[in-house]
C-alpha atoms as a PDB file:
ATOM      1  CA  MET A   1       6.242   5.228  15.359  1.00  0.00           C
ATOM      2  CA  SER A   2       4.244   3.414  12.678  1.00  0.00           C
ATOM      3  CA  TRP A   3       2.716   4.105   9.311  1.00  0.00           C
ATOM      4  CA  LYS A   4      -0.903   3.537   8.357  1.00  0.00           C
ATOM      5  CA  VAL A   5      -1.423   1.789   5.009  1.00  0.00           C
ATOM      6  CA  GLU A   6      -4.700   1.654   3.106  1.00  0.00           C
ATOM      7  CA  VAL A   7      -5.746   0.309  -0.290  1.00  0.00           C
ATOM      8  CA  ASP A   8      -8.736   1.891  -2.008  1.00  0.00           C
ATOM      9  CA  GLY A   9     -10.632  -1.175  -3.189  1.00  0.00           C
ATOM     10  CA  ASP A  10     -12.680   0.880  -5.643  1.00  0.00           C
ATOM     11  CA  THR A  11      -9.530   2.167  -7.346  1.00  0.00           C
ATOM     12  CA  CYS A  12      -7.359  -0.966  -7.160  1.00  0.00           C
ATOM     13  CA  ILE A  13      -7.049  -2.890 -10.439  1.00  0.00           C
ATOM     14  CA  GLY A  14      -5.387  -5.946  -8.882  1.00  0.00           C
ATOM     15  CA  SER A  15      -2.060  -5.676 -10.688  1.00  0.00           C
ATOM     16  CA  GLY A  16      -0.304  -7.389  -7.780  1.00  0.00           C
ATOM     17  CA  MET A  17       2.710  -5.078  -7.807  1.00  0.00           C
ATOM     18  CA  CYS A  18       2.276  -4.284  -4.123  1.00  0.00           C
ATOM     19  CA  ALA A  19       1.906  -7.932  -3.094  1.00  0.00           C
ATOM     20  CA  ALA A  20       4.977  -8.855  -5.133  1.00  0.00           C
ATOM     21  CA  LEU A  21       7.074  -6.150  -3.461  1.00  0.00           C
ATOM     22  CA  MET A  22       5.758  -6.520   0.096  1.00  0.00           C
ATOM     23  CA  PRO A  23       3.806  -9.778   0.594  1.00  0.00           C
ATOM     24  CA  GLU A  24       3.996  -9.294   4.361  1.00  0.00           C
ATOM     25  CA  VAL A  25       1.986  -6.059   3.992  1.00  0.00           C
ATOM     26  CA  PHE A  26      -0.237  -6.619   0.919  1.00  0.00           C
ATOM     27  CA  GLU A  27      -2.134  -9.588  -0.445  1.00  0.00           C
ATOM     28  CA  LEU A  28      -4.397 -10.129  -3.411  1.00  0.00           C
ATOM     29  CA  GLU A  29      -7.877 -11.023  -2.267  1.00  0.00           C
ATOM     30  CA  GLY A  30     -10.041 -11.795  -5.253  1.00  0.00           C
ATOM     31  CA  VAL A  31      -9.428  -9.153  -7.892  1.00  0.00           C
ATOM     32  CA  THR A  32      -8.105  -6.426  -5.587  1.00  0.00           C
ATOM     33  CA  ALA A  33      -5.304  -5.995  -3.104  1.00  0.00           C
ATOM     34  CA  THR A  34      -5.846  -5.669   0.624  1.00  0.00           C
ATOM     35  CA  VAL A  35      -3.603  -4.745   3.510  1.00  0.00           C
ATOM     36  CA  VAL A  36      -2.597  -7.594   5.833  1.00  0.00           C
ATOM     37  CA  ASP A  37      -2.150  -5.184   8.765  1.00  0.00           C
ATOM     38  CA  GLY A  38      -2.989  -1.491   8.460  1.00  0.00           C
ATOM     39  CA  GLU A  39      -0.201  -0.434  10.840  1.00  0.00           C
ATOM     40  CA  VAL A  40       3.370  -1.110   9.694  1.00  0.00           C
ATOM     41  CA  ASN A  41       6.832  -0.157  10.805  1.00  0.00           C
ATOM     42  CA  PRO A  42       8.397   2.508   8.594  1.00  0.00           C
ATOM     43  CA  ASP A  43       9.982   0.806   5.599  1.00  0.00           C
ATOM     44  CA  GLU A  44      11.068   2.354   2.303  1.00  0.00           C
ATOM     45  CA  MET A  45       9.675  -0.697   0.463  1.00  0.00           C
ATOM     46  CA  VAL A  46       6.138   0.228   1.589  1.00  0.00           C
ATOM     47  CA  LEU A  47       6.574   3.609  -0.073  1.00  0.00           C
ATOM     48  CA  ASP A  48       8.017   1.886  -3.149  1.00  0.00           C
ATOM     49  CA  ALA A  49       4.897  -0.298  -3.308  1.00  0.00           C
ATOM     50  CA  ALA A  50       2.655   2.790  -3.110  1.00  0.00           C
ATOM     51  CA  ASP A  51       4.739   4.487  -5.811  1.00  0.00           C
ATOM     52  CA  SER A  52       4.566   1.389  -8.034  1.00  0.00           C
ATOM     53  CA  CYS A  53       0.793   1.008  -7.930  1.00  0.00           C
ATOM     54  CA  PRO A  54      -0.443   1.709 -11.488  1.00  0.00           C
ATOM     55  CA  ALA A  55      -3.853   2.792 -10.157  1.00  0.00           C
ATOM     56  CA  MET A  56      -2.430   4.946  -7.313  1.00  0.00           C
ATOM     57  CA  ALA A  57      -4.729   3.010  -4.961  1.00  0.00           C
ATOM     58  CA  ILE A  58      -2.336   2.815  -1.990  1.00  0.00           C
ATOM     59  CA  GLU A  59      -2.054   5.553   0.611  1.00  0.00           C
ATOM     60  CA  VAL A  60       0.596   5.626   3.329  1.00  0.00           C
ATOM     61  CA  THR A  61       0.238   8.092   6.199  1.00  0.00           C
ATOM     62  CA  GLU A  62       2.368   9.066   9.171  1.00  0.00           C
ATOM     63  CA  ASN A  63       0.678  10.981  11.986  1.00  0.00           C
ATOM     64  CA  GLY A  64      -2.188  11.826   9.618  1.00  0.00           C
ATOM     65  CA  ALA A  65       0.053  13.245   6.890  1.00  0.00           C
ATOM     66  CA  VAL A  66       0.158  11.486   3.517  1.00  0.00           C
ATOM     67  CA  ILE A  67       3.727  10.355   2.757  1.00  0.00           C
ATOM     68  CA  GLY A  68       3.010   7.909  -0.059  1.00  0.00           C
ATOM     69  CA  PRO A  69       2.691   7.645  -2.919  1.00  0.00           C
ATOM     70  CA  ARG A  70       5.426  10.181  -3.455  1.00  0.00           C
ATOM     71  CA  PRO A  71       5.111  12.821  -6.179  1.00  0.00           C
END
């Protein structure tokens, strides 16, 4: 099982919170964050990164269902 991670480049403000929490998953490329690999093993820190995004630009899905950011 894996999770799909996406960053909405139009919404991202480049705060770097995600890259600071999970540099193996997110990186800052120019003024926005990108995903190093869109498929990741389930990891609570990925959800924490999505929750911490001030622009709510990160989406984490499992089997097509959105699991992050959490409400």
